[in-house]
Amino acid sequence: METNTTAENTATEGIVLVQIDPTIAVLGVNVRSEATLTADFVASIRELGVLEPVVGHYDQQGQFVVLRGQRRTLAAVETKQATIPAVVVPRPEDADRIVQQMAENDHRSDMTTADRVAGVKQLAAFGLTAAQIKRRTSRPRTEVDAALAVAASELAEKASQRWDFLTLDQAATLAEFEDDPEAIEALTLAAKDG
């Protein structure tokens, strides 16, 4: 089976570090709906390369699937990096993948309200309770509850996707008034005006 590694593997306590060609890496499923690349981020990758290894696994076809580091991978492609460092891990369970992606993004670039709602919604769909989501994502229970409330309301979920100025609490408030179009309009305008 041919892989897309271009450098010697280094194994330490079950962790394998390889160099991969970012142009043939596969971007795996991610809770982040868009991998927004800022000019500063791309400039950093152009100047310094990818400093933090991406994390992923090899699929059955031998392709490296990026689990964490899609922005780094895309920036490496854009800046024509020949290889980037990658940590090879076993393919995680879906809930673990989501928890890890949410945690990593929390400490890098803020997730949007819609992204956070989508992640919490997916975790709940995998059977995690609000308490388990709170524990596994290290997010406040009020935030988890608000995300679940938004996810349960089609109107609030769509509003969080459409209007990036909505905070999670504001989107959750829209869910409470889902049957009152005038209240929804007033609340949305108030949120936009700050």
C-alpha atoms as a PDB file:
ATOM      1  CA  MET A   1       0.000   0.000   0.000  1.00  0.00           C
ATOM      2  CA  GLU A   2       1.500   3.324  -1.047  1.00  0.00           C
ATOM      3  CA  THR A   3       1.290   6.271   1.339  1.00  0.00           C
ATOM      4  CA  ASN A   4       1.927   9.942   0.910  1.00  0.00           C
ATOM      5  CA  THR A   5       4.779  10.220   3.407  1.00  0.00           C
ATOM      6  CA  THR A   6       7.944  11.807   2.146  1.00  0.00           C
ATOM      7  CA  ALA A   7      10.246  11.487   5.131  1.00  0.00           C
ATOM      8  CA  GLU A   8      11.344   8.870   7.571  1.00  0.00           C
ATOM      9  CA  ASN A   9       8.865   7.929  10.285  1.00  0.00           C
ATOM     10  CA  THR A  10       9.808   8.561  13.892  1.00  0.00           C
ATOM     11  CA  ALA A  11       8.057   6.402  16.502  1.00  0.00           C
ATOM     12  CA  THR A  12       7.980   7.442  20.153  1.00  0.00           C
ATOM     13  CA  GLU A  13       5.588   5.778  22.613  1.00  0.00           C
ATOM     14  CA  GLY A  14       3.057   4.901  19.914  1.00  0.00           C
ATOM     15  CA  ILE A  15       3.158   8.322  18.277  1.00  0.00           C
ATOM     16  CA  VAL A  16       4.348   8.392  14.684  1.00  0.00           C
ATOM     17  CA  LEU A  17       5.547  11.652  13.167  1.00  0.00           C
ATOM     18  CA  VAL A  18       5.742  11.785   9.375  1.00  0.00           C
ATOM     19  CA  GLN A  19       6.136  14.397   6.676  1.00  0.00           C
ATOM     20  CA  ILE A  20       3.215  14.442   4.242  1.00  0.00           C
ATOM     21  CA  ASP A  21       2.542  16.173   0.965  1.00  0.00           C
ATOM     22  CA  PRO A  22      -0.319  18.562   1.791  1.00  0.00           C
ATOM     23  CA  THR A  23      -1.545  18.582  -1.807  1.00  0.00           C
ATOM     24  CA  ILE A  24      -2.578  14.921  -1.617  1.00  0.00           C
ATOM     25  CA  ALA A  25      -3.802  14.841   1.977  1.00  0.00           C
ATOM     26  CA  VAL A  26      -7.545  14.314   2.381  1.00  0.00           C
ATOM     27  CA  LEU A  27      -9.406  16.762   4.599  1.00  0.00           C
ATOM     28  CA  GLY A  28     -11.581  14.658   6.909  1.00  0.00           C
ATOM     29  CA  VAL A  29     -14.960  15.600   8.364  1.00  0.00           C
ATOM     30  CA  ASN A  30     -14.644  18.615  10.637  1.00  0.00           C
ATOM     31  CA  VAL A  31     -17.026  20.477  12.932  1.00  0.00           C
ATOM     32  CA  ARG A  32     -15.759  23.714  11.447  1.00  0.00           C
ATOM     33  CA  SER A  33     -18.018  24.485   8.477  1.00  0.00           C
ATOM     34  CA  GLU A  34     -15.422  26.671   6.743  1.00  0.00           C
ATOM     35  CA  ALA A  35     -11.650  26.693   7.009  1.00  0.00           C
ATOM     36  CA  THR A  36     -11.217  30.463   6.859  1.00  0.00           C
ATOM     37  CA  LEU A  37      -7.649  31.440   6.064  1.00  0.00           C
ATOM     38  CA  THR A  38      -6.676  34.933   7.136  1.00  0.00           C
ATOM     39  CA  ALA A  39      -3.924  36.804   5.334  1.00  0.00           C
ATOM     40  CA  ASP A  40      -1.855  36.833   8.539  1.00  0.00           C
ATOM     41  CA  PHE A  41      -2.223  33.068   8.984  1.00  0.00           C
ATOM     42  CA  VAL A  42      -1.188  32.337   5.399  1.00  0.00           C
ATOM     43  CA  ALA A  43       1.750  34.730   5.728  1.00  0.00           C
ATOM     44  CA  SER A  44       2.875  32.915   8.854  1.00  0.00           C
ATOM     45  CA  ILE A  45       2.752  29.530   7.109  1.00  0.00           C
ATOM     46  CA  ARG A  46       4.588  30.997   4.120  1.00  0.00           C
ATOM     47  CA  GLU A  47       7.276  32.406   6.385  1.00  0.00           C
ATOM     48  CA  LEU A  48       7.628  29.678   8.994  1.00  0.00           C
ATOM     49  CA  GLY A  49       6.017  26.620   7.471  1.00  0.00           C
ATOM     50  CA  VAL A  50       3.642  24.481   9.513  1.00  0.00           C
ATOM     51  CA  LEU A  51       5.019  24.557  13.048  1.00  0.00           C
ATOM     52  CA  GLU A  52       2.320  22.493  14.708  1.00  0.00           C
ATOM     53  CA  PRO A  53       1.911  19.056  13.125  1.00  0.00           C
ATOM     54  CA  VAL A  54      -1.482  18.216  11.706  1.00  0.00           C
ATOM     55  CA  VAL A  55      -3.101  15.107  13.139  1.00  0.00           C
ATOM     56  CA  GLY A  56      -4.687  12.357  11.128  1.00  0.00           C
ATOM     57  CA  HIS A  57      -4.803   8.709  10.154  1.00  0.00           C
ATOM     58  CA  TYR A  58      -4.282   6.610   7.063  1.00  0.00           C
ATOM     59  CA  ASP A  59      -7.423   5.313   5.406  1.00  0.00           C
ATOM     60  CA  GLN A  60      -7.771   1.918   3.751  1.00  0.00           C
ATOM     61  CA  GLN A  61      -6.415   3.317   0.473  1.00  0.00           C
ATOM     62  CA  GLY A  62      -3.272   4.580   2.215  1.00  0.00           C
ATOM     63  CA  GLN A  63      -4.255   8.244   1.992  1.00  0.00           C
ATOM     64  CA  PHE A  64      -3.536  10.499   4.949  1.00  0.00           C
ATOM     65  CA  VAL A  65      -6.837  11.891   6.307  1.00  0.00           C
ATOM     66  CA  VAL A  66      -6.460  15.150   8.243  1.00  0.00           C
ATOM     67  CA  LEU A  67      -8.521  15.108  11.447  1.00  0.00           C
ATOM     68  CA  ARG A  68      -7.100  18.260  13.022  1.00  0.00           C
ATOM     69  CA  GLY A  69      -5.232  20.896  11.072  1.00  0.00           C
ATOM     70  CA  GLN A  70      -7.335  21.556   7.991  1.00  0.00           C
ATOM     71  CA  ARG A  71      -6.440  25.274   8.051  1.00  0.00           C
ATOM     72  CA  ARG A  72      -2.731  24.460   8.325  1.00  0.00           C
ATOM     73  CA  THR A  73      -3.046  21.962   5.478  1.00  0.00           C
ATOM     74  CA  LEU A  74      -4.892  24.396   3.200  1.00  0.00           C
ATOM     75  CA  ALA A  75      -2.453  27.205   4.005  1.00  0.00           C
ATOM     76  CA  ALA A  76       0.450  24.850   3.234  1.00  0.00           C
ATOM     77  CA  VAL A  77      -1.104  24.064  -0.159  1.00  0.00           C
ATOM     78  CA  GLU A  78      -1.662  27.763  -0.833  1.00  0.00           C
ATOM     79  CA  THR A  79       1.940  28.592   0.082  1.00  0.00           C
ATOM     80  CA  LYS A  80       3.317  25.621  -1.887  1.00  0.00           C
ATOM     81  CA  GLN A  81       4.918  23.813   1.053  1.00  0.00           C
ATOM     82  CA  ALA A  82       6.446  20.570  -0.226  1.00  0.00           C
ATOM     83  CA  THR A  83       5.730  18.714   3.017  1.00  0.00           C
ATOM     84  CA  ILE A  84       4.207  19.360   6.412  1.00  0.00           C
ATOM     85  CA  PRO A  85       4.620  17.507   9.709  1.00  0.00           C
ATOM     86  CA  ALA A  86       1.835  15.139  10.655  1.00  0.00           C
ATOM     87  CA  VAL A  87       1.143  12.980  13.668  1.00  0.00           C
ATOM     88  CA  VAL A  88      -0.410   9.644  12.774  1.00  0.00           C
ATOM     89  CA  VAL A  89      -3.057   8.412  15.208  1.00  0.00           C
ATOM     90  CA  PRO A  90      -5.593   5.597  15.099  1.00  0.00           C
ATOM     91  CA  ARG A  91      -8.914   6.599  13.535  1.00  0.00           C
ATOM     92  CA  PRO A  92     -10.967   7.962  16.470  1.00  0.00           C
ATOM     93  CA  GLU A  93     -14.618   7.326  17.218  1.00  0.00           C
ATOM     94  CA  ASP A  94     -16.818  10.103  15.787  1.00  0.00           C
ATOM     95  CA  ALA A  95     -17.665  11.631  19.185  1.00  0.00           C
ATOM     96  CA  ASP A  96     -13.979  11.719  20.161  1.00  0.00           C
ATOM     97  CA  ARG A  97     -13.121  13.367  16.833  1.00  0.00           C
ATOM     98  CA  ILE A  98     -15.720  16.069  17.407  1.00  0.00           C
ATOM     99  CA  VAL A  99     -14.630  16.718  21.017  1.00  0.00           C
ATOM    100  CA  GLN A 100     -10.991  16.980  19.920  1.00  0.00           C
ATOM    101  CA  GLN A 101     -11.800  19.294  16.993  1.00  0.00           C
ATOM    102  CA  MET A 102     -13.908  21.546  19.213  1.00  0.00           C
ATOM    103  CA  ALA A 103     -11.197  21.710  21.905  1.00  0.00           C
ATOM    104  CA  GLU A 104      -8.453  22.450  19.400  1.00  0.00           C
ATOM    105  CA  ASN A 105     -10.471  25.186  17.706  1.00  0.00           C
ATOM    106  CA  ASP A 106     -11.381  26.765  21.041  1.00  0.00           C
ATOM    107  CA  HIS A 107      -7.707  27.414  21.636  1.00  0.00           C
ATOM    108  CA  ARG A 108      -6.856  28.587  18.143  1.00  0.00           C
ATOM    109  CA  SER A 109      -9.418  30.559  16.200  1.00  0.00           C
ATOM    110  CA  ASP A 110     -12.804  31.129  17.752  1.00  0.00           C
ATOM    111  CA  MET A 111     -15.584  29.005  16.400  1.00  0.00           C
ATOM    112  CA  THR A 112     -18.697  30.744  15.156  1.00  0.00           C
ATOM    113  CA  THR A 113     -21.974  30.377  16.999  1.00  0.00           C
ATOM    114  CA  ALA A 114     -23.239  28.185  14.156  1.00  0.00           C
ATOM    115  CA  ASP A 115     -20.132  25.959  14.338  1.00  0.00           C
ATOM    116  CA  ARG A 116     -20.506  25.529  18.102  1.00  0.00           C
ATOM    117  CA  VAL A 117     -24.207  24.694  17.740  1.00  0.00           C
ATOM    118  CA  ALA A 118     -23.371  22.169  15.000  1.00  0.00           C
ATOM    119  CA  GLY A 119     -20.728  20.501  17.158  1.00  0.00           C
ATOM    120  CA  VAL A 120     -22.942  20.237  20.232  1.00  0.00           C
ATOM    121  CA  LYS A 121     -25.828  19.039  18.062  1.00  0.00           C
ATOM    122  CA  GLN A 122     -23.629  16.308  16.571  1.00  0.00           C
ATOM    123  CA  LEU A 123     -22.402  15.221  20.013  1.00  0.00           C
ATOM    124  CA  ALA A 124     -25.990  14.997  21.230  1.00  0.00           C
ATOM    125  CA  ALA A 125     -26.876  12.971  18.138  1.00  0.00           C
ATOM    126  CA  PHE A 126     -24.112  10.530  19.102  1.00  0.00           C
ATOM    127  CA  GLY A 127     -25.887  10.077  22.430  1.00  0.00           C
ATOM    128  CA  LEU A 128     -23.869  12.379  24.678  1.00  0.00           C
ATOM    129  CA  THR A 129     -25.902  14.121  27.358  1.00  0.00           C
ATOM    130  CA  ALA A 130     -25.504  17.817  28.120  1.00  0.00           C
ATOM    131  CA  ALA A 131     -23.421  16.905  31.187  1.00  0.00           C
ATOM    132  CA  GLN A 132     -21.152  14.657  29.112  1.00  0.00           C
ATOM    133  CA  ILE A 133     -20.745  17.342  26.448  1.00  0.00           C
ATOM    134  CA  LYS A 134     -19.861  19.870  29.157  1.00  0.00           C
ATOM    135  CA  ARG A 135     -17.311  17.535  30.690  1.00  0.00           C
ATOM    136  CA  ARG A 136     -15.748  16.369  27.431  1.00  0.00           C
ATOM    137  CA  THR A 137     -15.577  19.786  25.784  1.00  0.00           C
ATOM    138  CA  SER A 138     -14.736  21.751  28.959  1.00  0.00           C
ATOM    139  CA  ARG A 139     -17.383  24.313  28.047  1.00  0.00           C
ATOM    140  CA  PRO A 140     -19.728  25.877  30.621  1.00  0.00           C
ATOM    141  CA  ARG A 141     -23.019  24.043  31.117  1.00  0.00           C
ATOM    142  CA  THR A 142     -24.946  27.225  30.290  1.00  0.00           C
ATOM    143  CA  GLU A 143     -23.215  27.335  26.916  1.00  0.00           C
ATOM    144  CA  VAL A 144     -23.952  23.671  26.209  1.00  0.00           C
ATOM    145  CA  ASP A 145     -27.608  24.163  27.194  1.00  0.00           C
ATOM    146  CA  ALA A 146     -27.869  27.246  24.985  1.00  0.00           C
ATOM    147  CA  ALA A 147     -26.342  25.375  22.022  1.00  0.00           C
ATOM    148  CA  LEU A 148     -28.776  22.502  22.530  1.00  0.00           C
ATOM    149  CA  ALA A 149     -31.695  24.966  22.651  1.00  0.00           C
ATOM    150  CA  VAL A 150     -30.562  26.562  19.390  1.00  0.00           C
ATOM    151  CA  ALA A 151     -30.061  23.150  17.773  1.00  0.00           C
ATOM    152  CA  ALA A 152     -33.605  22.186  18.772  1.00  0.00           C
ATOM    153  CA  SER A 153     -35.042  25.245  17.012  1.00  0.00           C
ATOM    154  CA  GLU A 154     -34.818  25.291  13.226  1.00  0.00           C
ATOM    155  CA  LEU A 155     -35.376  29.052  13.227  1.00  0.00           C
ATOM    156  CA  ALA A 156     -32.649  29.784  15.796  1.00  0.00           C
ATOM    157  CA  GLU A 157     -30.192  27.396  14.157  1.00  0.00           C
ATOM    158  CA  LYS A 158     -30.697  28.995  10.740  1.00  0.00           C
ATOM    159  CA  ALA A 159     -30.412  32.466  12.294  1.00  0.00           C
ATOM    160  CA  SER A 160     -27.063  31.545  13.863  1.00  0.00           C
ATOM    161  CA  GLN A 161     -25.853  30.339  10.469  1.00  0.00           C
ATOM    162  CA  ARG A 162     -27.078  33.437   8.665  1.00  0.00           C
ATOM    163  CA  TRP A 163     -26.095  36.197  11.108  1.00  0.00           C
ATOM    164  CA  ASP A 164     -22.594  35.880  12.502  1.00  0.00           C
ATOM    165  CA  PHE A 165     -23.206  38.741  14.933  1.00  0.00           C
ATOM    166  CA  LEU A 166     -25.516  36.529  17.017  1.00  0.00           C
ATOM    167  CA  THR A 167     -23.981  35.210  20.187  1.00  0.00           C
ATOM    168  CA  LEU A 168     -24.983  31.793  21.453  1.00  0.00           C
ATOM    169  CA  ASP A 169     -27.149  33.369  24.171  1.00  0.00           C
ATOM    170  CA  GLN A 170     -28.871  35.622  21.641  1.00  0.00           C
ATOM    171  CA  ALA A 171     -29.570  32.685  19.329  1.00  0.00           C
ATOM    172  CA  ALA A 172     -30.962  30.721  22.294  1.00  0.00           C
ATOM    173  CA  THR A 173     -33.242  33.650  23.095  1.00  0.00           C
ATOM    174  CA  LEU A 174     -34.554  33.543  19.524  1.00  0.00           C
ATOM    175  CA  ALA A 175     -35.451  29.893  20.103  1.00  0.00           C
ATOM    176  CA  GLU A 176     -37.659  30.949  23.028  1.00  0.00           C
ATOM    177  CA  PHE A 177     -39.666  33.280  20.788  1.00  0.00           C
ATOM    178  CA  GLU A 178     -39.801  31.049  17.728  1.00  0.00           C
ATOM    179  CA  ASP A 179     -43.583  31.432  17.386  1.00  0.00           C
ATOM    180  CA  ASP A 180     -43.546  35.238  17.599  1.00  0.00           C
ATOM    181  CA  PRO A 181     -42.207  36.756  14.326  1.00  0.00           C
ATOM    182  CA  GLU A 182     -42.385  40.342  15.656  1.00  0.00           C
ATOM    183  CA  ALA A 183     -40.320  39.427  18.709  1.00  0.00           C
ATOM    184  CA  ILE A 184     -37.805  37.592  16.502  1.00  0.00           C
ATOM    185  CA  GLU A 185     -37.390  40.677  14.305  1.00  0.00           C
ATOM    186  CA  ALA A 186     -36.996  43.003  17.302  1.00  0.00           C
ATOM    187  CA  LEU A 187     -34.516  40.688  19.038  1.00  0.00           C
ATOM    188  CA  THR A 188     -32.456  40.249  15.881  1.00  0.00           C
ATOM    189  CA  LEU A 189     -32.274  44.001  15.294  1.00  0.00           C
ATOM    190  CA  ALA A 190     -31.318  44.571  18.921  1.00  0.00           C
ATOM    191  CA  ALA A 191     -28.563  41.970  18.676  1.00  0.00           C
ATOM    192  CA  LYS A 192     -27.237  43.521  15.485  1.00  0.00           C
ATOM    193  CA  ASP A 193     -27.154  46.960  17.116  1.00  0.00           C
ATOM    194  CA  GLY A 194     -25.400  45.537  20.165  1.00  0.00           C
END
